[in-house]
mmCIF file of all heavy atoms, coordinates in Angstrom:
data_MODEL
# 
_entry.id   MODEL 
# 
loop_
_atom_site.group_PDB 
_atom_site.id 
_atom_site.type_symbol 
_atom_site.label_atom_id 
_atom_site.label_alt_id 
_atom_site.label_comp_id 
_atom_site.label_asym_id 
_atom_site.label_entity_id 
_atom_site.label_seq_id 
_atom_site.pdbx_PDB_ins_code 
_atom_site.Cartn_x 
_atom_site.Cartn_y 
_atom_site.Cartn_z 
_atom_site.occupancy 
_atom_site.B_iso_or_equiv 
_atom_site.pdbx_formal_charge 
_atom_site.auth_seq_id 
_atom_site.auth_comp_id 
_atom_site.auth_asym_id 
_atom_site.auth_atom_id 
_atom_site.pdbx_PDB_model_num 
ATOM 1   N N   . PHE A 1 1  ? -20.932 -29.665 65.257 1.00 0.00 ? 1  PHE A N   1 
ATOM 2   C CA  . PHE A 1 1  ? -20.762 -28.709 64.173 1.00 0.00 ? 1  PHE A CA  1 
ATOM 3   C C   . PHE A 1 1  ? -21.843 -28.919 63.111 1.00 0.00 ? 1  PHE A C   1 
ATOM 4   O O   . PHE A 1 1  ? -22.219 -30.044 62.791 1.00 0.00 ? 1  PHE A O   1 
ATOM 5   C CB  . PHE A 1 1  ? -19.386 -28.846 63.525 1.00 0.00 ? 1  PHE A CB  1 
ATOM 6   C CG  . PHE A 1 1  ? -18.267 -28.337 64.379 1.00 0.00 ? 1  PHE A CG  1 
ATOM 7   C CD1 . PHE A 1 1  ? -17.457 -29.230 65.075 1.00 0.00 ? 1  PHE A CD1 1 
ATOM 8   C CD2 . PHE A 1 1  ? -18.017 -26.982 64.502 1.00 0.00 ? 1  PHE A CD2 1 
ATOM 9   C CE1 . PHE A 1 1  ? -16.413 -28.773 65.863 1.00 0.00 ? 1  PHE A CE1 1 
ATOM 10  C CE2 . PHE A 1 1  ? -16.970 -26.523 65.289 1.00 0.00 ? 1  PHE A CE2 1 
ATOM 11  C CZ  . PHE A 1 1  ? -16.171 -27.413 65.971 1.00 0.00 ? 1  PHE A CZ  1 
ATOM 12  N N   . THR A 1 2  ? -22.317 -27.825 62.547 1.00 0.00 ? 2  THR A N   1 
ATOM 13  C CA  . THR A 1 2  ? -23.289 -27.874 61.466 1.00 0.00 ? 2  THR A CA  1 
ATOM 14  C C   . THR A 1 2  ? -22.838 -26.949 60.344 1.00 0.00 ? 2  THR A C   1 
ATOM 15  O O   . THR A 1 2  ? -22.038 -26.044 60.550 1.00 0.00 ? 2  THR A O   1 
ATOM 16  C CB  . THR A 1 2  ? -24.685 -27.447 61.945 1.00 0.00 ? 2  THR A CB  1 
ATOM 17  O OG1 . THR A 1 2  ? -24.619 -26.094 62.443 1.00 0.00 ? 2  THR A OG1 1 
ATOM 18  C CG2 . THR A 1 2  ? -25.199 -28.370 63.041 1.00 0.00 ? 2  THR A CG2 1 
ATOM 19  N N   . ASP A 1 3  ? -23.355 -27.191 59.155 1.00 0.00 ? 3  ASP A N   1 
ATOM 20  C CA  . ASP A 1 3  ? -23.011 -26.358 58.016 1.00 0.00 ? 3  ASP A CA  1 
ATOM 21  C C   . ASP A 1 3  ? -24.111 -26.502 56.974 1.00 0.00 ? 3  ASP A C   1 
ATOM 22  O O   . ASP A 1 3  ? -24.851 -27.493 56.955 1.00 0.00 ? 3  ASP A O   1 
ATOM 23  C CB  . ASP A 1 3  ? -21.655 -26.770 57.426 1.00 0.00 ? 3  ASP A CB  1 
ATOM 24  C CG  . ASP A 1 3  ? -21.125 -25.763 56.420 1.00 0.00 ? 3  ASP A CG  1 
ATOM 25  O OD1 . ASP A 1 3  ? -21.355 -24.556 56.618 1.00 0.00 ? 3  ASP A OD1 1 
ATOM 26  O OD2 . ASP A 1 3  ? -20.489 -26.184 55.432 1.00 0.00 ? 3  ASP A OD2 1 
ATOM 27  N N   . VAL A 1 4  ? -24.206 -25.515 56.091 1.00 0.00 ? 4  VAL A N   1 
ATOM 28  C CA  . VAL A 1 4  ? -25.230 -25.563 55.049 1.00 0.00 ? 4  VAL A CA  1 
ATOM 29  C C   . VAL A 1 4  ? -24.859 -26.560 53.951 1.00 0.00 ? 4  VAL A C   1 
ATOM 30  O O   . VAL A 1 4  ? -25.719 -26.972 53.177 1.00 0.00 ? 4  VAL A O   1 
ATOM 31  C CB  . VAL A 1 4  ? -25.451 -24.170 54.420 1.00 0.00 ? 4  VAL A CB  1 
ATOM 32  C CG1 . VAL A 1 4  ? -26.030 -23.209 55.437 1.00 0.00 ? 4  VAL A CG1 1 
ATOM 33  C CG2 . VAL A 1 4  ? -24.155 -23.619 53.833 1.00 0.00 ? 4  VAL A CG2 1 
ATOM 34  N N   . HIS A 1 5  ? -23.595 -26.943 53.874 1.00 0.00 ? 5  HIS A N   1 
ATOM 35  C CA  . HIS A 1 5  ? -23.164 -27.892 52.847 1.00 0.00 ? 5  HIS A CA  1 
ATOM 36  C C   . HIS A 1 5  ? -22.192 -28.894 53.470 1.00 0.00 ? 5  HIS A C   1 
ATOM 37  O O   . HIS A 1 5  ? -20.997 -28.872 53.188 1.00 0.00 ? 5  HIS A O   1 
ATOM 38  C CB  . HIS A 1 5  ? -22.495 -27.160 51.677 1.00 0.00 ? 5  HIS A CB  1 
ATOM 39  C CG  . HIS A 1 5  ? -22.156 -28.054 50.514 1.00 0.00 ? 5  HIS A CG  1 
ATOM 40  N ND1 . HIS A 1 5  ? -23.113 -28.681 49.757 1.00 0.00 ? 5  HIS A ND1 1 
ATOM 41  C CD2 . HIS A 1 5  ? -20.965 -28.433 49.995 1.00 0.00 ? 5  HIS A CD2 1 
ATOM 42  C CE1 . HIS A 1 5  ? -22.540 -29.385 48.809 1.00 0.00 ? 5  HIS A CE1 1 
ATOM 43  N NE2 . HIS A 1 5  ? -21.232 -29.264 48.932 1.00 0.00 ? 5  HIS A NE2 1 
ATOM 44  N N   . PRO A 1 6  ? -22.685 -29.768 54.348 1.00 0.00 ? 6  PRO A N   1 
ATOM 45  C CA  . PRO A 1 6  ? -21.792 -30.743 54.964 1.00 0.00 ? 6  PRO A CA  1 
ATOM 46  C C   . PRO A 1 6  ? -21.272 -31.742 53.933 1.00 0.00 ? 6  PRO A C   1 
ATOM 47  O O   . PRO A 1 6  ? -22.007 -32.170 53.038 1.00 0.00 ? 6  PRO A O   1 
ATOM 48  C CB  . PRO A 1 6  ? -22.683 -31.423 56.004 1.00 0.00 ? 6  PRO A CB  1 
ATOM 49  C CG  . PRO A 1 6  ? -24.072 -31.248 55.488 1.00 0.00 ? 6  PRO A CG  1 
ATOM 50  C CD  . PRO A 1 6  ? -24.080 -29.930 54.778 1.00 0.00 ? 6  PRO A CD  1 
ATOM 51  N N   . CYS A 1 7  ? -20.006 -32.089 54.057 1.00 0.00 ? 7  CYS A N   1 
ATOM 52  C CA  . CYS A 1 7  ? -19.380 -33.067 53.172 1.00 0.00 ? 7  CYS A CA  1 
ATOM 53  C C   . CYS A 1 7  ? -19.242 -34.366 53.955 1.00 0.00 ? 7  CYS A C   1 
ATOM 54  O O   . CYS A 1 7  ? -18.256 -34.550 54.688 1.00 0.00 ? 7  CYS A O   1 
ATOM 55  C CB  . CYS A 1 7  ? -18.023 -32.563 52.695 1.00 0.00 ? 7  CYS A CB  1 
ATOM 56  S SG  . CYS A 1 7  ? -18.134 -31.024 51.758 1.00 0.00 ? 7  CYS A SG  1 
ATOM 57  N N   . VAL A 1 8  ? -20.212 -35.229 53.823 1.00 0.00 ? 8  VAL A N   1 
ATOM 58  C CA  . VAL A 1 8  ? -20.319 -36.423 54.659 1.00 0.00 ? 8  VAL A CA  1 
ATOM 59  C C   . VAL A 1 8  ? -20.491 -37.638 53.763 1.00 0.00 ? 8  VAL A C   1 
ATOM 60  O O   . VAL A 1 8  ? -21.365 -37.649 52.885 1.00 0.00 ? 8  VAL A O   1 
ATOM 61  C CB  . VAL A 1 8  ? -21.515 -36.318 55.626 1.00 0.00 ? 8  VAL A CB  1 
ATOM 62  C CG1 . VAL A 1 8  ? -21.632 -37.569 56.483 1.00 0.00 ? 8  VAL A CG1 1 
ATOM 63  C CG2 . VAL A 1 8  ? -21.382 -35.075 56.509 1.00 0.00 ? 8  VAL A CG2 1 
ATOM 64  N N   . GLY A 1 9  ? -19.650 -38.660 53.985 1.00 0.00 ? 9  GLY A N   1 
ATOM 65  C CA  . GLY A 1 9  ? -19.820 -39.890 53.226 1.00 0.00 ? 9  GLY A CA  1 
ATOM 66  C C   . GLY A 1 9  ? -18.525 -40.615 53.000 1.00 0.00 ? 9  GLY A C   1 
ATOM 67  O O   . GLY A 1 9  ? -17.523 -40.392 53.696 1.00 0.00 ? 9  GLY A O   1 
ATOM 68  N N   . THR A 1 10 ? -18.540 -41.482 52.012 1.00 0.00 ? 10 THR A N   1 
ATOM 69  C CA  . THR A 1 10 ? -17.340 -42.209 51.604 1.00 0.00 ? 10 THR A CA  1 
ATOM 70  C C   . THR A 1 10 ? -16.399 -41.254 50.881 1.00 0.00 ? 10 THR A C   1 
ATOM 71  O O   . THR A 1 10 ? -16.792 -40.131 50.522 1.00 0.00 ? 10 THR A O   1 
ATOM 72  C CB  . THR A 1 10 ? -17.721 -43.350 50.661 1.00 0.00 ? 10 THR A CB  1 
ATOM 73  O OG1 . THR A 1 10 ? -18.272 -42.774 49.457 1.00 0.00 ? 10 THR A OG1 1 
ATOM 74  C CG2 . THR A 1 10 ? -18.740 -44.288 51.300 1.00 0.00 ? 10 THR A CG2 1 
ATOM 75  N N   . PRO A 1 11 ? -15.147 -41.657 50.657 1.00 0.00 ? 11 PRO A N   1 
ATOM 76  C CA  . PRO A 1 11 ? -14.251 -40.776 49.892 1.00 0.00 ? 11 PRO A CA  1 
ATOM 77  C C   . PRO A 1 11 ? -14.851 -40.334 48.565 1.00 0.00 ? 11 PRO A C   1 
ATOM 78  O O   . PRO A 1 11 ? -14.722 -39.157 48.181 1.00 0.00 ? 11 PRO A O   1 
ATOM 79  C CB  . PRO A 1 11 ? -13.008 -41.641 49.703 1.00 0.00 ? 11 PRO A CB  1 
ATOM 80  C CG  . PRO A 1 11 ? -12.983 -42.516 50.921 1.00 0.00 ? 11 PRO A CG  1 
ATOM 81  C CD  . PRO A 1 11 ? -14.432 -42.831 51.183 1.00 0.00 ? 11 PRO A CD  1 
ATOM 82  N N   . GLU A 1 12 ? -15.516 -41.231 47.875 1.00 0.00 ? 12 GLU A N   1 
ATOM 83  C CA  . GLU A 1 12 ? -16.107 -40.869 46.590 1.00 0.00 ? 12 GLU A CA  1 
ATOM 84  C C   . GLU A 1 12 ? -17.228 -39.838 46.767 1.00 0.00 ? 12 GLU A C   1 
ATOM 85  O O   . GLU A 1 12 ? -17.349 -38.890 45.976 1.00 0.00 ? 12 GLU A O   1 
ATOM 86  C CB  . GLU A 1 12 ? -16.652 -42.123 45.900 1.00 0.00 ? 12 GLU A CB  1 
ATOM 87  C CG  . GLU A 1 12 ? -15.597 -43.122 45.464 1.00 0.00 ? 12 GLU A CG  1 
ATOM 88  C CD  . GLU A 1 12 ? -15.043 -43.960 46.610 1.00 0.00 ? 12 GLU A CD  1 
ATOM 89  O OE1 . GLU A 1 12 ? -15.657 -43.963 47.711 1.00 0.00 ? 12 GLU A OE1 1 
ATOM 90  O OE2 . GLU A 1 12 ? -14.002 -44.610 46.418 1.00 0.00 ? 12 GLU A OE2 1 
ATOM 91  N N   . GLN A 1 13 ? -18.033 -39.994 47.798 1.00 0.00 ? 13 GLN A N   1 
ATOM 92  C CA  . GLN A 1 13 ? -19.135 -39.058 48.034 1.00 0.00 ? 13 GLN A CA  1 
ATOM 93  C C   . GLN A 1 13 ? -18.629 -37.683 48.463 1.00 0.00 ? 13 GLN A C   1 
ATOM 94  O O   . GLN A 1 13 ? -19.177 -36.655 48.047 1.00 0.00 ? 13 GLN A O   1 
ATOM 95  C CB  . GLN A 1 13 ? -20.088 -39.639 49.079 1.00 0.00 ? 13 GLN A CB  1 
ATOM 96  C CG  . GLN A 1 13 ? -20.879 -40.838 48.573 1.00 0.00 ? 13 GLN A CG  1 
ATOM 97  C CD  . GLN A 1 13 ? -21.628 -41.549 49.691 1.00 0.00 ? 13 GLN A CD  1 
ATOM 98  O OE1 . GLN A 1 13 ? -21.147 -41.646 50.826 1.00 0.00 ? 13 GLN A OE1 1 
ATOM 99  N NE2 . GLN A 1 13 ? -22.819 -42.057 49.376 1.00 0.00 ? 13 GLN A NE2 1 
ATOM 100 N N   . VAL A 1 14 ? -17.600 -37.650 49.295 1.00 0.00 ? 14 VAL A N   1 
ATOM 101 C CA  . VAL A 1 14 ? -17.042 -36.373 49.725 1.00 0.00 ? 14 VAL A CA  1 
ATOM 102 C C   . VAL A 1 14 ? -16.382 -35.665 48.545 1.00 0.00 ? 14 VAL A C   1 
ATOM 103 O O   . VAL A 1 14 ? -16.516 -34.443 48.378 1.00 0.00 ? 14 VAL A O   1 
ATOM 104 C CB  . VAL A 1 14 ? -16.057 -36.587 50.890 1.00 0.00 ? 14 VAL A CB  1 
ATOM 105 C CG1 . VAL A 1 14 ? -15.268 -35.315 51.179 1.00 0.00 ? 14 VAL A CG1 1 
ATOM 106 C CG2 . VAL A 1 14 ? -16.809 -37.041 52.139 1.00 0.00 ? 14 VAL A CG2 1 
ATOM 107 N N   . ALA A 1 15 ? -15.686 -36.415 47.702 1.00 0.00 ? 15 ALA A N   1 
ATOM 108 C CA  . ALA A 1 15 ? -15.097 -35.808 46.498 1.00 0.00 ? 15 ALA A CA  1 
ATOM 109 C C   . ALA A 1 15 ? -16.184 -35.233 45.603 1.00 0.00 ? 15 ALA A C   1 
ATOM 110 O O   . ALA A 1 15 ? -16.040 -34.137 45.042 1.00 0.00 ? 15 ALA A O   1 
ATOM 111 C CB  . ALA A 1 15 ? -14.270 -36.843 45.747 1.00 0.00 ? 15 ALA A CB  1 
ATOM 112 N N   . GLU A 1 16 ? -17.300 -35.946 45.484 1.00 0.00 ? 16 GLU A N   1 
ATOM 113 C CA  . GLU A 1 16 ? -18.410 -35.456 44.671 1.00 0.00 ? 16 GLU A CA  1 
ATOM 114 C C   . GLU A 1 16 ? -18.992 -34.171 45.242 1.00 0.00 ? 16 GLU A C   1 
ATOM 115 O O   . GLU A 1 16 ? -19.391 -33.261 44.490 1.00 0.00 ? 16 GLU A O   1 
ATOM 116 C CB  . GLU A 1 16 ? -19.493 -36.529 44.580 1.00 0.00 ? 16 GLU A CB  1 
ATOM 117 C CG  . GLU A 1 16 ? -20.668 -36.149 43.698 1.00 0.00 ? 16 GLU A CG  1 
ATOM 118 C CD  . GLU A 1 16 ? -21.710 -37.247 43.605 1.00 0.00 ? 16 GLU A CD  1 
ATOM 119 O OE1 . GLU A 1 16 ? -21.484 -38.337 44.164 1.00 0.00 ? 16 GLU A OE1 1 
ATOM 120 O OE2 . GLU A 1 16 ? -22.765 -37.008 42.981 1.00 0.00 ? 16 GLU A OE2 1 
ATOM 121 N N   . ALA A 1 17 ? -19.022 -34.058 46.576 1.00 0.00 ? 17 ALA A N   1 
ATOM 122 C CA  . ALA A 1 17 ? -19.554 -32.846 47.201 1.00 0.00 ? 17 ALA A CA  1 
ATOM 123 C C   . ALA A 1 17 ? -18.644 -31.650 47.000 1.00 0.00 ? 17 ALA A C   1 
ATOM 124 O O   . ALA A 1 17 ? -19.107 -30.508 46.944 1.00 0.00 ? 17 ALA A O   1 
ATOM 125 C CB  . ALA A 1 17 ? -19.777 -33.093 48.691 1.00 0.00 ? 17 ALA A CB  1 
ATOM 126 N N   . LEU A 1 18 ? -17.338 -31.890 46.909 1.00 0.00 ? 18 LEU A N   1 
ATOM 127 C CA  . LEU A 1 18 ? -16.371 -30.797 46.794 1.00 0.00 ? 18 LEU A CA  1 
ATOM 128 C C   . LEU A 1 18 ? -16.003 -30.484 45.346 1.00 0.00 ? 18 LEU A C   1 
ATOM 129 O O   . LEU A 1 18 ? -15.535 -29.372 45.066 1.00 0.00 ? 18 LEU A O   1 
ATOM 130 C CB  . LEU A 1 18 ? -15.098 -31.142 47.573 1.00 0.00 ? 18 LEU A CB  1 
ATOM 131 C CG  . LEU A 1 18 ? -15.243 -31.154 49.099 1.00 0.00 ? 18 LEU A CG  1 
ATOM 132 C CD1 . LEU A 1 18 ? -13.973 -31.702 49.754 1.00 0.00 ? 18 LEU A CD1 1 
ATOM 133 C CD2 . LEU A 1 18 ? -15.540 -29.757 49.627 1.00 0.00 ? 18 LEU A CD2 1 
ATOM 134 N N   . ARG A 1 19 ? -16.215 -31.422 44.444 1.00 0.00 ? 19 ARG A N   1 
ATOM 135 C CA  . ARG A 1 19 ? -15.771 -31.209 43.067 1.00 0.00 ? 19 ARG A CA  1 
ATOM 136 C C   . ARG A 1 19 ? -16.390 -29.978 42.410 1.00 0.00 ? 19 ARG A C   1 
ATOM 137 O O   . ARG A 1 19 ? -15.708 -29.288 41.635 1.00 0.00 ? 19 ARG A O   1 
ATOM 138 C CB  . ARG A 1 19 ? -16.042 -32.461 42.227 1.00 0.00 ? 19 ARG A CB  1 
ATOM 139 C CG  . ARG A 1 19 ? -15.404 -32.387 40.829 1.00 0.00 ? 19 ARG A CG  1 
ATOM 140 C CD  . ARG A 1 19 ? -15.528 -33.704 40.086 1.00 0.00 ? 19 ARG A CD  1 
ATOM 141 N NE  . ARG A 1 19 ? -14.738 -34.748 40.749 1.00 0.00 ? 19 ARG A NE  1 
ATOM 142 C CZ  . ARG A 1 19 ? -15.257 -35.813 41.357 1.00 0.00 ? 19 ARG A CZ  1 
ATOM 143 N NH1 . ARG A 1 19 ? -16.574 -35.942 41.429 1.00 0.00 ? 19 ARG A NH1 1 
ATOM 144 N NH2 . ARG A 1 19 ? -14.483 -36.725 41.896 1.00 0.00 ? 19 ARG A NH2 1 
ATOM 145 N N   . PRO A 1 20 ? -17.662 -29.636 42.685 1.00 0.00 ? 20 PRO A N   1 
ATOM 146 C CA  . PRO A 1 20 ? -18.199 -28.425 42.048 1.00 0.00 ? 20 PRO A CA  1 
ATOM 147 C C   . PRO A 1 20 ? -17.402 -27.161 42.354 1.00 0.00 ? 20 PRO A C   1 
ATOM 148 O O   . PRO A 1 20 ? -17.310 -26.267 41.502 1.00 0.00 ? 20 PRO A O   1 
ATOM 149 C CB  . PRO A 1 20 ? -19.625 -28.339 42.624 1.00 0.00 ? 20 PRO A CB  1 
ATOM 150 C CG  . PRO A 1 20 ? -19.974 -29.744 42.962 1.00 0.00 ? 20 PRO A CG  1 
ATOM 151 C CD  . PRO A 1 20 ? -18.700 -30.362 43.445 1.00 0.00 ? 20 PRO A CD  1 
ATOM 152 N N   . PHE A 1 21 ? -16.826 -27.079 43.539 1.00 0.00 ? 21 PHE A N   1 
ATOM 153 C CA  . PHE A 1 21 ? -16.031 -25.895 43.875 1.00 0.00 ? 21 PHE A CA  1 
ATOM 154 C C   . PHE A 1 21 ? -14.737 -25.860 43.067 1.00 0.00 ? 21 PHE A C   1 
ATOM 155 O O   . PHE A 1 21 ? -14.318 -24.797 42.598 1.00 0.00 ? 21 PHE A O   1 
ATOM 156 C CB  . PHE A 1 21 ? -15.740 -25.879 45.378 1.00 0.00 ? 21 PHE A CB  1 
ATOM 157 C CG  . PHE A 1 21 ? -16.978 -25.855 46.227 1.00 0.00 ? 21 PHE A CG  1 
ATOM 158 C CD1 . PHE A 1 21 ? -17.443 -27.024 46.836 1.00 0.00 ? 21 PHE A CD1 1 
ATOM 159 C CD2 . PHE A 1 21 ? -17.700 -24.688 46.393 1.00 0.00 ? 21 PHE A CD2 1 
ATOM 160 C CE1 . PHE A 1 21 ? -18.588 -27.013 47.600 1.00 0.00 ? 21 PHE A CE1 1 
ATOM 161 C CE2 . PHE A 1 21 ? -18.851 -24.672 47.161 1.00 0.00 ? 21 PHE A CE2 1 
ATOM 162 C CZ  . PHE A 1 21 ? -19.307 -25.838 47.763 1.00 0.00 ? 21 PHE A CZ  1 
ATOM 163 N N   . VAL A 1 22 ? -14.120 -27.009 42.908 1.00 0.00 ? 22 VAL A N   1 
ATOM 164 C CA  . VAL A 1 22 ? -12.912 -27.086 42.084 1.00 0.00 ? 22 VAL A CA  1 
ATOM 165 C C   . VAL A 1 22 ? -13.242 -26.714 40.648 1.00 0.00 ? 22 VAL A C   1 
ATOM 166 O O   . VAL A 1 22 ? -12.497 -25.990 39.985 1.00 0.00 ? 22 VAL A O   1 
ATOM 167 C CB  . VAL A 1 22 ? -12.290 -28.492 42.172 1.00 0.00 ? 22 VAL A CB  1 
ATOM 168 C CG1 . VAL A 1 22 ? -11.031 -28.582 41.307 1.00 0.00 ? 22 VAL A CG1 1 
ATOM 169 C CG2 . VAL A 1 22 ? -11.956 -28.840 43.624 1.00 0.00 ? 22 VAL A CG2 1 
ATOM 170 N N   . ASP A 1 23 ? -14.386 -27.183 40.161 1.00 0.00 ? 23 ASP A N   1 
ATOM 171 C CA  . ASP A 1 23 ? -14.798 -26.855 38.804 1.00 0.00 ? 23 ASP A CA  1 
ATOM 172 C C   . ASP A 1 23 ? -15.054 -25.361 38.630 1.00 0.00 ? 23 ASP A C   1 
ATOM 173 O O   . ASP A 1 23 ? -14.898 -24.823 37.524 1.00 0.00 ? 23 ASP A O   1 
ATOM 174 C CB  . ASP A 1 23 ? -16.063 -27.639 38.438 1.00 0.00 ? 23 ASP A CB  1 
ATOM 175 C CG  . ASP A 1 23 ? -15.817 -29.138 38.306 1.00 0.00 ? 23 ASP A CG  1 
ATOM 176 O OD1 . ASP A 1 23 ? -14.642 -29.543 38.167 1.00 0.00 ? 23 ASP A OD1 1 
ATOM 177 O OD2 . ASP A 1 23 ? -16.807 -29.900 38.351 1.00 0.00 ? 23 ASP A OD2 1 
ATOM 178 N N   . LEU A 1 24 ? -15.439 -24.690 39.719 1.00 0.00 ? 24 LEU A N   1 
ATOM 179 C CA  . LEU A 1 24 ? -15.664 -23.246 39.661 1.00 0.00 ? 24 LEU A CA  1 
ATOM 180 C C   . LEU A 1 24 ? -14.364 -22.448 39.727 1.00 0.00 ? 24 LEU A C   1 
ATOM 181 O O   . LEU A 1 24 ? -14.377 -21.233 39.580 1.00 0.00 ? 24 LEU A O   1 
ATOM 182 C CB  . LEU A 1 24 ? -16.583 -22.807 40.804 1.00 0.00 ? 24 LEU A CB  1 
ATOM 183 C CG  . LEU A 1 24 ? -18.062 -23.168 40.647 1.00 0.00 ? 24 LEU A CG  1 
ATOM 184 C CD1 . LEU A 1 24 ? -18.816 -22.920 41.948 1.00 0.00 ? 24 LEU A CD1 1 
ATOM 185 C CD2 . LEU A 1 24 ? -18.698 -22.357 39.512 1.00 0.00 ? 24 LEU A CD2 1 
ATOM 186 N N   . GLY A 1 25 ? -13.246 -23.120 39.972 1.00 0.00 ? 25 GLY A N   1 
ATOM 187 C CA  . GLY A 1 25 ? -11.952 -22.441 39.986 1.00 0.00 ? 25 GLY A CA  1 
ATOM 188 C C   . GLY A 1 25 ? -11.307 -22.334 41.344 1.00 0.00 ? 25 GLY A C   1 
ATOM 189 O O   . GLY A 1 25 ? -10.276 -21.662 41.482 1.00 0.00 ? 25 GLY A O   1 
ATOM 190 N N   . VAL A 1 26 ? -11.884 -22.969 42.371 1.00 0.00 ? 26 VAL A N   1 
ATOM 191 C CA  . VAL A 1 26 ? -11.285 -22.931 43.701 1.00 0.00 ? 26 VAL A CA  1 
ATOM 192 C C   . VAL A 1 26 ? -9.914  -23.610 43.656 1.00 0.00 ? 26 VAL A C   1 
ATOM 193 O O   . VAL A 1 26 ? -9.784  -24.730 43.158 1.00 0.00 ? 26 VAL A O   1 
ATOM 194 C CB  . VAL A 1 26 ? -12.200 -23.602 44.738 1.00 0.00 ? 26 VAL A CB  1 
ATOM 195 C CG1 . VAL A 1 26 ? -11.452 -23.848 46.041 1.00 0.00 ? 26 VAL A CG1 1 
ATOM 196 C CG2 . VAL A 1 26 ? -13.426 -22.734 44.978 1.00 0.00 ? 26 VAL A CG2 1 
ATOM 197 N N   . GLU A 1 27 ? -8.918  -22.940 44.205 1.00 0.00 ? 27 GLU A N   1 
ATOM 198 C CA  . GLU A 1 27 ? -7.549  -23.451 44.192 1.00 0.00 ? 27 GLU A CA  1 
ATOM 199 C C   . GLU A 1 27 ? -7.074  -23.908 45.561 1.00 0.00 ? 27 GLU A C   1 
ATOM 200 O O   . GLU A 1 27 ? -6.027  -24.549 45.664 1.00 0.00 ? 27 GLU A O   1 
ATOM 201 C CB  . GLU A 1 27 ? -6.592  -22.371 43.673 1.00 0.00 ? 27 GLU A CB  1 
ATOM 202 C CG  . GLU A 1 27 ? -6.858  -21.949 42.248 1.00 0.00 ? 27 GLU A CG  1 
ATOM 203 C CD  . GLU A 1 27 ? -5.868  -20.906 41.768 1.00 0.00 ? 27 GLU A CD  1 
ATOM 204 O OE1 . GLU A 1 27 ? -4.687  -20.971 42.146 1.00 0.00 ? 27 GLU A OE1 1 
ATOM 205 O OE2 . GLU A 1 27 ? -6.284  -20.006 41.015 1.00 0.00 ? 27 GLU A OE2 1 
ATOM 206 N N   . HIS A 1 28 ? -7.815  -23.549 46.610 1.00 0.00 ? 28 HIS A N   1 
ATOM 207 C CA  . HIS A 1 28 ? -7.379  -23.913 47.962 1.00 0.00 ? 28 HIS A CA  1 
ATOM 208 C C   . HIS A 1 28 ? -8.610  -24.257 48.779 1.00 0.00 ? 28 HIS A C   1 
ATOM 209 O O   . HIS A 1 28 ? -9.518  -23.435 48.926 1.00 0.00 ? 28 HIS A O   1 
ATOM 210 C CB  . HIS A 1 28 ? -6.620  -22.746 48.608 1.00 0.00 ? 28 HIS A CB  1 
ATOM 211 C CG  . HIS A 1 28 ? -5.596  -23.170 49.602 1.00 0.00 ? 28 HIS A CG  1 
ATOM 212 N ND1 . HIS A 1 28 ? -4.280  -22.748 49.552 1.00 0.00 ? 28 HIS A ND1 1 
ATOM 213 C CD2 . HIS A 1 28 ? -5.670  -23.990 50.667 1.00 0.00 ? 28 HIS A CD2 1 
ATOM 214 C CE1 . HIS A 1 28 ? -3.602  -23.285 50.553 1.00 0.00 ? 28 HIS A CE1 1 
ATOM 215 N NE2 . HIS A 1 28 ? -4.437  -24.041 51.248 1.00 0.00 ? 28 HIS A NE2 1 
ATOM 216 N N   . LEU A 1 29 ? -8.654  -25.489 49.304 1.00 0.00 ? 29 LEU A N   1 
ATOM 217 C CA  . LEU A 1 29 ? -9.736  -25.944 50.166 1.00 0.00 ? 29 LEU A CA  1 
ATOM 218 C C   . LEU A 1 29 ? -9.267  -25.935 51.614 1.00 0.00 ? 29 LEU A C   1 
ATOM 219 O O   . LEU A 1 29 ? -8.191  -26.447 51.920 1.00 0.00 ? 29 LEU A O   1 
ATOM 220 C CB  . LEU A 1 29 ? -10.167 -27.358 49.785 1.00 0.00 ? 29 LEU A CB  1 
ATOM 221 C CG  . LEU A 1 29 ? -10.804 -27.557 48.415 1.00 0.00 ? 29 LEU A CG  1 
ATOM 222 C CD1 . LEU A 1 29 ? -10.985 -29.049 48.131 1.00 0.00 ? 29 LEU A CD1 1 
ATOM 223 C CD2 . LEU A 1 29 ? -12.152 -26.837 48.335 1.00 0.00 ? 29 LEU A CD2 1 
# 
C-alpha cells in the first residue's frame, strides 16, 4: 500500500502526522 501522506513511526510520530487534521476540525479518522 502507498499513500501521499503515510503515517509511519512511533506512536508519538504517528500522532504528530495526524494531529493537523484534528486541528482542522476532523471528528472521525
